[in-house]
């Protein structure tokens, strides 16, 4: 074997290694977690910053890798053909084609790509400092190739794609769901992240306290009676009405009342409630939770009264209601125990009619629709199109709803039998 052939064989091995480097780098840099790389770069990791710079312009990165990879593959194949021709003559072309195809596929494509995909982030961090200068060196050639490609795509009528906010949100939702399925996060964390993304899709009417269950103060009541009501109430902020409950004239804060009582200890009857209430804040029922949360922060307020399109009072929403939509139910030492859903041994649930559909879906991984009704009783009424009697049952969306209690025209308690896991169901009566 001559020195020239030995050098050629060594060059072929080096070129195959370079091809594997390019192939593995392409896989690692395209599969690396962008959020993790962004976090590491923000924390000062130089290698992560190198990865971020490379992936900021993916077209240039892929173009440089493909250009370099094809160049070394072609050069390696040419050298292998030359070496084999010197040994076996013209048949060396066929041998070189078969041999180099197998070598390139196994050792320059499959092996490095498989290795890179197993830990894409770590591989990307390792190769980025080496690949950066190569991409910079090949940039002129890549730029020329991109001009040709852009011209060809333009002639074919293909427009340059843009990343929309909806697409980014869908990708984020998919990432959250995937991480939850793989066990990287618990159900509560998944629900919180999904709820944050849903804030702009849920209106305040879906989480409000309905006017029927609102606790309010009559402005014309005696100061002693008002004080007694505030002391017994679990709430610190109470709407104040005058003449009729729909006429809200202010919101009374328990701490403001305490200051006023302290100043009038000797003569409580001199206490003027209207002098210490704050101005009521009315918001339309169509306001999204995202908008309401920002409004609460800007106004430094905790309570807003909700009105419909005619200005009629519908209920109230608090900052805690919005936060609970994200983190789940918050119970403190002054909250009154309510009628929560009770799971029975037979797999059914006893649920108060006022239970929010969104809360049930989140707690039990159900998928009941909440577009037309906010509560479980409202869903049954909306689908049944009548006021059902106690004992009647309905099958809706694969769930069985049995009316257990009713007060006048209001369904107060239901027994719900969920559909089997994986079962599909539509609306209907049974």
Protein backbone atom coordinates (compact mmCIF):
# COMPACT_ATOMS: atom_id res chain seq x y z
CA UNK A 1 0.00 0.00 0.00
CA UNK A 2 1.47 3.31 -1.10
CA UNK A 3 1.62 6.38 1.09
CA UNK A 4 -0.86 8.14 -1.19
CA UNK A 5 -3.47 5.38 -0.74
CA UNK A 6 -2.92 5.31 3.02
CA UNK A 7 -3.48 9.06 3.19
CA UNK A 8 -6.65 8.69 1.09
CA UNK A 9 -8.02 5.98 3.40
CA UNK A 10 -7.27 8.13 6.45
CA UNK A 11 -8.97 11.09 4.78
CA UNK A 12 -12.04 8.96 4.07
CA UNK A 13 -12.26 8.01 7.75
CA UNK A 14 -11.93 11.67 8.76
CA UNK A 15 -14.61 12.72 6.26
CA UNK A 16 -17.00 10.03 7.52
CA UNK A 17 -16.44 11.31 11.07
CA UNK A 18 -17.19 14.86 9.89
CA UNK A 19 -20.32 13.63 8.16
CA UNK A 20 -21.44 12.00 11.41
CA UNK A 21 -20.70 15.25 13.25
CA UNK A 22 -22.89 17.22 10.83
CA UNK A 23 -25.70 14.64 10.94
CA UNK A 24 -25.75 14.44 14.74
CA UNK A 25 -25.53 18.23 15.06
CA UNK A 26 -28.52 18.70 12.76
CA UNK A 27 -30.64 16.29 14.81
CA UNK A 28 -29.55 17.70 18.18
CA UNK A 29 -29.99 21.36 17.29
CA UNK A 30 -33.43 20.85 15.74
CA UNK A 31 -34.65 18.58 18.55
CA UNK A 32 -33.18 20.54 21.48
CA UNK A 33 -35.72 22.02 23.89
CA UNK A 34 -35.98 25.71 23.06
CA UNK A 35 -37.44 26.64 26.48
CA UNK A 36 -34.58 24.85 28.31
CA UNK A 37 -31.92 26.35 26.08
CA UNK A 38 -33.48 29.80 26.56
CA UNK A 39 -33.46 29.31 30.34
CA UNK A 40 -29.82 28.19 30.37
CA UNK A 41 -28.81 31.09 28.12
CA UNK A 42 -30.57 33.52 30.45
CA UNK A 43 -28.68 31.98 33.36
CA UNK A 44 -25.37 32.79 31.66
CA UNK A 45 -24.44 29.45 30.02
CA UNK A 46 -22.15 30.33 27.09
CA UNK A 47 -22.80 27.09 25.25
CA UNK A 48 -26.56 27.64 25.52
CA UNK A 49 -26.11 31.13 24.07
CA UNK A 50 -24.20 29.58 21.17
CA UNK A 51 -27.09 27.15 20.61
CA UNK A 52 -29.59 30.02 20.75
CA UNK A 53 -27.62 32.04 18.18
CA UNK A 54 -27.48 29.09 15.81
CA UNK A 55 -31.16 28.20 16.13
CA UNK A 56 -32.33 31.82 15.78
CA UNK A 57 -31.77 31.46 12.04
CA UNK A 58 -32.71 27.85 11.35
CA UNK A 59 -32.59 28.24 7.58
CA UNK A 60 -28.95 29.35 7.70
CA UNK A 61 -28.11 26.60 10.20
CA UNK A 62 -29.72 23.80 8.20
CA UNK A 63 -28.25 25.18 4.97
CA UNK A 64 -24.72 25.21 6.40
CA UNK A 65 -25.05 21.71 7.88
CA UNK A 66 -26.44 20.24 4.66
CA UNK A 67 -23.81 21.99 2.58
CA UNK A 68 -21.00 20.74 4.79
CA UNK A 69 -22.48 17.25 5.10
CA UNK A 70 -22.98 16.78 1.37
CA UNK A 71 -19.52 18.16 0.62
CA UNK A 72 -17.73 15.70 2.89
CA UNK A 73 -19.92 12.79 1.73
CA UNK A 74 -19.20 13.50 -1.94
CA UNK A 75 -15.50 13.97 -1.27
CA UNK A 76 -15.35 10.74 0.75
CA UNK A 77 -17.13 8.84 -2.02
CA UNK A 78 -14.78 10.27 -4.65
CA UNK A 79 -11.71 9.26 -2.66
CA UNK A 80 -13.13 5.78 -2.03
CA UNK A 81 -13.81 5.37 -5.76
CA UNK A 82 -10.26 6.43 -6.60
CA UNK A 83 -8.76 4.01 -4.06
CA UNK A 84 -10.85 1.03 -5.20
CA UNK A 85 -10.19 1.71 -8.88
CA UNK A 86 -6.49 1.52 -8.12
CA UNK A 87 -7.05 -1.94 -6.64
CA UNK A 88 -9.74 -3.57 -8.85
CA UNK A 89 -9.99 -1.32 -11.89
CA UNK A 90 -13.28 -0.03 -13.28
CA UNK A 91 -15.27 -2.35 -11.00
CA UNK A 92 -14.13 -0.11 -8.14
CA UNK A 93 -16.88 2.36 -9.07
CA UNK A 94 -19.58 -0.19 -8.22
CA UNK A 95 -17.78 -1.35 -5.08
CA UNK A 96 -17.30 2.23 -3.92
CA UNK A 97 -20.98 3.05 -4.52
CA UNK A 98 -22.22 0.07 -2.51
CA UNK A 99 -19.61 0.30 0.22
CA UNK A 100 -19.85 4.04 0.79
CA UNK A 101 -23.65 3.93 0.80
CA UNK A 102 -23.59 1.38 3.62
CA UNK A 103 -20.86 3.21 5.55
CA UNK A 104 -22.51 6.63 5.22
CA UNK A 105 -25.99 5.35 6.13
CA UNK A 106 -24.81 3.41 9.19
CA UNK A 107 -21.89 5.43 10.56
CA UNK A 108 -22.61 8.94 9.23
CA UNK A 109 -26.41 9.05 9.47
CA UNK A 110 -28.21 6.47 11.63
CA UNK A 111 -25.61 6.06 14.38
CA UNK A 112 -24.91 9.78 15.09
CA UNK A 113 -28.58 10.77 14.72
CA UNK A 114 -29.67 8.02 17.10
CA UNK A 115 -27.04 9.02 19.64
CA UNK A 116 -27.98 12.71 19.33
CA UNK A 117 -31.73 12.21 19.71
CA UNK A 118 -31.27 10.31 22.99
CA UNK A 119 -30.04 13.47 24.72
CA UNK A 120 -30.53 16.29 22.23
CA UNK A 121 -29.99 19.13 24.71
CA UNK A 122 -26.63 17.89 25.96
CA UNK A 123 -25.41 17.02 22.43
CA UNK A 124 -26.46 20.45 21.17
CA UNK A 125 -24.57 22.19 23.98
CA UNK A 126 -21.44 20.20 23.11
CA UNK A 127 -21.42 20.79 19.35
CA UNK A 128 -22.61 24.42 19.24
CA UNK A 129 -19.19 26.01 19.99
CA UNK A 130 -17.61 23.89 17.22
CA UNK A 131 -20.41 24.36 14.71
CA UNK A 132 -20.62 28.15 15.11
CA UNK A 133 -17.40 28.97 13.22
CA UNK A 134 -18.30 26.45 10.49
CA UNK A 135 -21.71 28.07 9.95
CA UNK A 136 -20.08 31.50 9.83
CA UNK A 137 -17.48 30.25 7.30
CA UNK A 138 -20.15 28.73 5.05
CA UNK A 139 -22.54 31.69 5.36
CA UNK A 140 -21.70 33.24 1.93
CA UNK A 141 -22.34 29.96 0.12
CA UNK A 142 -25.48 29.34 2.18
CA UNK A 143 -26.72 32.86 1.38
CA UNK A 144 -26.38 32.18 -2.33
CA UNK A 145 -28.25 28.89 -1.98
CA UNK A 146 -31.04 30.61 -0.04
CA UNK A 147 -31.48 33.19 -2.78
CA UNK A 148 -31.88 30.43 -5.35
CA UNK A 149 -34.32 28.53 -3.11
CA UNK A 150 -36.36 31.66 -2.34
CA UNK A 151 -36.60 32.49 -6.04
CA UNK A 152 -37.73 28.94 -6.83
CA UNK A 153 -40.33 28.94 -4.06
CA UNK A 154 -41.55 32.37 -5.13
CA UNK A 155 -41.98 31.18 -8.68
CA UNK A 156 -43.97 28.20 -7.37
CA UNK A 157 -46.24 30.52 -5.36
CA UNK A 158 -45.12 29.28 -1.93
CA UNK A 159 -45.21 32.05 0.67
CA UNK A 160 -42.97 32.31 3.69
CA UNK A 161 -44.77 30.89 6.73
CA UNK A 162 -45.26 33.01 9.84
CA UNK A 163 -45.69 31.79 13.40
CA UNK A 164 -49.04 32.97 14.75
CA UNK A 165 -49.89 33.44 18.45
CA UNK A 166 -52.52 30.70 18.16
CA UNK A 167 -49.94 28.27 16.82
CA UNK A 168 -47.57 29.12 19.66
CA UNK A 169 -50.34 28.57 22.22
CA UNK A 170 -51.29 25.23 20.66
CA UNK A 171 -47.65 24.16 20.79
CA UNK A 172 -47.46 25.16 24.45
CA UNK A 173 -50.65 23.24 25.27
CA UNK A 174 -49.29 20.21 23.46
CA UNK A 175 -46.04 20.43 25.41
CA UNK A 176 -47.92 20.60 28.71
CA UNK A 177 -50.09 17.61 27.82
CA UNK A 178 -47.09 15.60 26.62
CA UNK A 179 -45.09 16.34 29.76
CA UNK A 180 -48.07 15.31 31.90
CA UNK A 181 -48.49 12.03 29.98
CA UNK A 182 -44.79 11.27 30.41
CA UNK A 183 -45.03 11.85 34.16
CA UNK A 184 -42.91 15.01 34.18
CA UNK A 185 -45.64 16.97 36.01
CA UNK A 186 -48.52 16.13 38.32
CA UNK A 187 -52.18 16.68 37.44
CA UNK A 188 -52.49 19.81 39.59
CA UNK A 189 -49.59 21.48 37.79
CA UNK A 190 -51.03 20.54 34.40
CA UNK A 191 -54.44 21.95 35.34
CA UNK A 192 -52.88 25.21 36.56
CA UNK A 193 -50.93 25.73 33.33
CA UNK A 194 -53.96 24.96 31.18
CA UNK A 195 -56.09 27.31 33.29
CA UNK A 196 -53.61 30.16 32.75
CA UNK A 197 -53.88 29.65 28.99
CA UNK A 198 -57.69 29.58 29.27
CA UNK A 199 -58.01 32.93 31.08
CA UNK A 200 -58.68 34.82 27.86
CA UNK A 201 -61.38 32.32 26.83
CA UNK A 202 -63.43 32.31 30.05
CA UNK A 203 -65.64 35.27 30.93
CA UNK A 204 -66.35 36.56 34.42
CA UNK A 205 -69.92 35.31 34.20
CA UNK A 206 -68.60 31.75 34.39
CA UNK A 207 -66.95 32.21 37.79
CA UNK A 208 -69.12 34.90 39.41
CA UNK A 209 -71.18 34.59 42.56
CA UNK A 210 -74.78 34.84 41.35
CA UNK A 211 -76.91 37.68 42.70
CA UNK A 212 -79.23 35.13 44.35
CA UNK A 213 -76.41 33.97 46.63
CA UNK A 214 -74.69 37.34 47.07
CA UNK A 215 -74.52 38.67 50.61
CA UNK A 216 -75.46 42.37 50.59
CA UNK A 217 -76.09 45.14 53.10
CA UNK A 218 -79.09 47.45 53.25
CA UNK A 219 -77.72 50.98 53.52
CA UNK A 220 -80.83 52.07 55.46
CA UNK A 221 -80.44 49.41 58.16
CA UNK A 222 -79.47 50.43 61.67
CA UNK A 223 -75.70 50.74 62.26
CA UNK A 224 -75.85 48.02 64.93
CA UNK A 225 -77.56 45.65 62.49
CA UNK A 226 -74.99 46.39 59.80
CA UNK A 227 -72.14 45.79 62.26
CA UNK A 228 -73.70 42.50 63.35
CA UNK A 229 -74.09 41.38 59.71
CA UNK A 230 -70.48 42.23 58.85
CA UNK A 231 -69.15 40.45 61.94
CA UNK A 232 -71.06 37.27 61.10
CA UNK A 233 -70.15 37.35 57.40
CA UNK A 234 -67.16 35.32 56.11
CA UNK A 235 -66.50 38.11 53.59
CA UNK A 236 -64.50 41.29 54.12
CA UNK A 237 -66.09 43.26 51.26
CA UNK A 238 -69.88 43.46 50.96
CA UNK A 239 -72.00 45.32 48.36
CA UNK A 240 -74.34 47.95 49.81
CA UNK A 241 -77.78 48.61 48.29
CA UNK A 242 -80.47 51.19 48.82
CA UNK A 243 -84.19 51.11 48.02
CA UNK A 244 -83.89 47.80 46.11
CA UNK A 245 -81.19 45.07 45.91
CA UNK A 246 -80.45 45.89 42.26
CA UNK A 247 -79.46 49.44 43.22
CA UNK A 248 -75.90 48.94 44.44
CA UNK A 249 -74.55 52.19 45.87
CA UNK A 250 -71.19 51.07 47.20
CA UNK A 251 -68.96 48.37 48.64
CA UNK A 252 -68.25 48.21 52.37
CA UNK A 253 -64.89 46.94 53.59
CA UNK A 254 -64.94 45.35 57.07
CA UNK A 255 -61.73 47.13 58.03
CA UNK A 256 -63.20 50.54 57.13
CA UNK A 257 -66.22 49.70 59.26
CA UNK A 258 -63.95 48.72 62.13
CA UNK A 259 -62.19 52.10 61.97
CA UNK A 260 -65.56 53.88 61.94
CA UNK A 261 -66.87 51.84 64.89
CA UNK A 262 -63.69 52.59 66.84
CA UNK A 263 -64.24 56.31 66.23
CA UNK A 264 -67.87 56.12 67.41
CA UNK A 265 -67.64 53.73 70.34
CA UNK A 266 -69.66 55.99 72.59
CA UNK A 267 -72.48 56.59 70.13
CA UNK A 268 -72.75 53.86 67.48
CA UNK A 269 -75.94 55.36 66.07
CA UNK A 270 -73.91 58.27 64.69
CA UNK A 271 -72.06 55.88 62.39
CA UNK A 272 -72.71 56.82 58.74
CA UNK A 273 -72.16 53.74 56.54
CA UNK A 274 -72.44 55.70 53.29
CA UNK A 275 -69.49 57.85 54.36
CA UNK A 276 -67.13 54.89 54.40
CA UNK A 277 -68.26 52.78 51.43
CA UNK A 278 -66.23 52.83 48.24
CA UNK A 279 -67.70 53.48 44.82
CA UNK A 280 -69.06 50.33 43.15
CA UNK A 281 -67.26 49.07 40.04
CA UNK A 282 -69.42 47.51 37.34
CA UNK A 283 -68.06 45.30 34.54
CA UNK A 284 -69.90 43.58 31.67
CA UNK A 285 -70.49 39.84 31.88
CA UNK A 286 -68.49 39.30 28.67
CA UNK A 287 -65.23 40.50 30.24
CA UNK A 288 -62.61 37.76 30.07
CA UNK A 289 -60.79 36.61 33.19
CA UNK A 290 -57.51 37.73 31.67
CA UNK A 291 -58.87 41.26 31.17
CA UNK A 292 -60.43 41.27 34.63
CA UNK A 293 -57.21 40.14 36.30
CA UNK A 294 -55.28 43.00 34.67
CA UNK A 295 -58.06 45.42 35.63
CA UNK A 296 -57.94 44.28 39.27
CA UNK A 297 -54.19 44.92 39.32
CA UNK A 298 -54.47 48.34 37.67
CA UNK A 299 -57.28 49.54 39.93
CA UNK A 300 -55.88 47.80 43.02
CA UNK A 301 -59.37 46.45 43.59
CA UNK A 302 -60.64 43.08 44.78
CA UNK A 303 -64.36 43.14 43.93
CA UNK A 304 -66.31 43.97 40.77
CA UNK A 305 -70.05 43.82 40.17
CA UNK A 306 -71.20 42.12 36.97
CA UNK A 307 -74.02 43.48 34.82
CA UNK A 308 -75.63 42.17 31.64
CA UNK A 309 -76.15 44.07 28.39
CA UNK A 310 -79.18 45.85 29.89
CA UNK A 311 -77.28 47.00 32.98
CA UNK A 312 -79.06 44.59 35.31
CA UNK A 313 -77.05 43.16 38.19
CA UNK A 314 -76.02 39.54 37.62
CA UNK A 315 -73.53 38.90 40.43
CA UNK A 316 -70.06 39.77 41.56
CA UNK A 317 -66.54 38.54 40.91
CA UNK A 318 -63.55 38.84 43.20
CA UNK A 319 -59.81 38.63 42.72
CA UNK A 320 -59.93 35.36 44.64
CA UNK A 321 -62.41 33.94 42.09
CA UNK A 322 -59.94 34.61 39.27
CA UNK A 323 -57.01 33.16 41.21
CA UNK A 324 -59.07 30.08 42.09
CA UNK A 325 -59.68 29.54 38.39
CA UNK A 326 -55.90 29.04 38.12
CA UNK A 327 -54.90 27.27 41.34
CA UNK A 328 -58.18 25.62 42.35
CA UNK A 329 -60.41 26.15 45.35
CA UNK A 330 -58.90 28.25 48.15
CA UNK A 331 -60.45 27.62 51.57
CA UNK A 332 -59.56 29.74 54.58
CA UNK A 333 -60.57 29.60 58.22
CA UNK A 334 -63.62 31.83 57.64
CA UNK A 335 -65.08 30.06 54.62
CA UNK A 336 -68.37 28.28 55.16
CA UNK A 337 -68.28 24.62 54.17
CA UNK A 338 -70.33 24.24 51.04
CA UNK A 339 -71.92 21.36 49.20
CA UNK A 340 -68.97 19.83 47.42
CA UNK A 341 -69.29 16.85 45.12
CA UNK A 342 -69.33 13.56 47.02
CA UNK A 343 -68.05 10.41 45.33
CA UNK A 344 -70.04 7.32 46.21
CA UNK A 345 -68.85 3.69 46.41
CA UNK A 346 -70.74 2.80 43.23
CA UNK A 347 -68.71 5.34 41.21
CA UNK A 348 -71.47 7.95 41.00
CA UNK A 349 -71.31 11.48 42.43
CA UNK A 350 -73.74 13.55 44.48
CA UNK A 351 -73.25 17.10 43.23
CA UNK A 352 -74.96 20.38 44.20
CA UNK A 353 -76.70 22.06 41.29
CA UNK A 354 -74.57 25.18 41.68
CA UNK A 355 -71.31 23.28 41.11
CA UNK A 356 -69.34 24.86 38.26
CA UNK A 357 -68.85 22.62 35.23
CA UNK A 358 -65.27 23.86 34.79
CA UNK A 359 -64.41 22.86 38.36
CA UNK A 360 -65.90 19.39 37.87
CA UNK A 361 -64.07 18.90 34.57
CA UNK A 362 -60.79 19.88 36.19
CA UNK A 363 -61.29 17.81 39.34
CA UNK A 364 -62.41 14.57 37.66
CA UNK A 365 -60.98 14.87 34.12
CA UNK A 366 -64.47 15.12 32.62
CA UNK A 367 -65.22 16.94 29.39
CA UNK A 368 -68.72 18.32 29.91
CA UNK A 369 -69.39 21.40 27.74
CA UNK A 370 -69.54 24.76 29.51
CA UNK A 371 -70.31 27.06 26.58
CA UNK A 372 -74.07 27.35 27.21
CA UNK A 373 -74.18 26.85 30.98
CA UNK A 374 -71.76 27.50 33.83
CA UNK A 375 -73.27 25.12 36.41
CA UNK A 376 -74.20 21.44 36.33
CA UNK A 377 -77.86 22.31 36.94
CA UNK A 378 -77.77 24.82 34.10
CA UNK A 379 -76.40 22.17 31.76
CA UNK A 380 -79.29 19.81 32.52
CA UNK A 381 -81.88 22.59 32.16
CA UNK A 382 -80.36 23.77 28.89
CA UNK A 383 -80.37 20.28 27.39
CA UNK A 384 -83.70 19.13 28.85
CA UNK A 385 -85.54 22.34 27.82
CA UNK A 386 -87.85 21.88 30.79
CA UNK A 387 -87.90 21.96 34.59
CA UNK A 388 -87.38 18.30 35.53
CA UNK A 389 -89.04 16.61 38.47
CA UNK A 390 -87.20 14.90 41.30
CA UNK A 391 -86.37 11.35 40.25
CA UNK A 392 -86.12 12.08 36.53
CA UNK A 393 -82.90 11.09 34.83
CA UNK A 394 -81.21 12.20 31.62
CA UNK A 395 -78.33 10.84 29.59
CA UNK A 396 -76.24 13.70 28.23
CA UNK A 397 -72.80 13.43 26.62
CA UNK A 398 -72.49 9.87 27.88
CA UNK A 399 -73.20 10.92 31.51
CA UNK A 400 -76.35 10.01 33.43
CA UNK A 401 -77.91 12.85 35.46
CA UNK A 402 -80.55 12.00 38.06
CA UNK A 403 -82.44 14.81 39.79
CA UNK A 404 -82.21 14.28 43.55
CA UNK A 405 -83.52 17.58 44.96
CA UNK A 406 -85.28 20.67 43.69
CA UNK A 407 -86.30 23.97 45.30
CA UNK A 408 -89.02 25.68 43.34
CA UNK A 409 -87.60 25.82 39.80
CA UNK A 410 -83.99 25.36 40.86
CA UNK A 411 -82.21 22.01 40.77
CA UNK A 412 -80.30 21.82 44.04
CA UNK A 413 -78.72 18.35 43.89
CA UNK A 414 -78.03 15.73 41.26
CA UNK A 415 -76.61 12.24 41.10
CA UNK A 416 -74.16 11.96 38.23
CA UNK A 417 -72.88 8.70 36.77
CA UNK A 418 -69.84 9.40 34.57
CA UNK A 419 -69.40 7.56 31.31
CA UNK A 420 -66.73 4.85 31.27
CA UNK A 421 -63.18 5.96 30.58
CA UNK A 422 -62.55 6.17 26.85
CA UNK A 423 -66.26 6.07 26.05
CA UNK A 424 -67.78 8.58 23.65
CA UNK A 425 -71.15 10.14 24.11
CA UNK A 426 -73.36 12.82 22.64
CA UNK A 427 -76.24 14.85 23.92
CA UNK A 428 -79.51 13.04 24.31
CA UNK A 429 -82.29 12.01 26.70
CA UNK A 430 -82.93 8.64 28.22
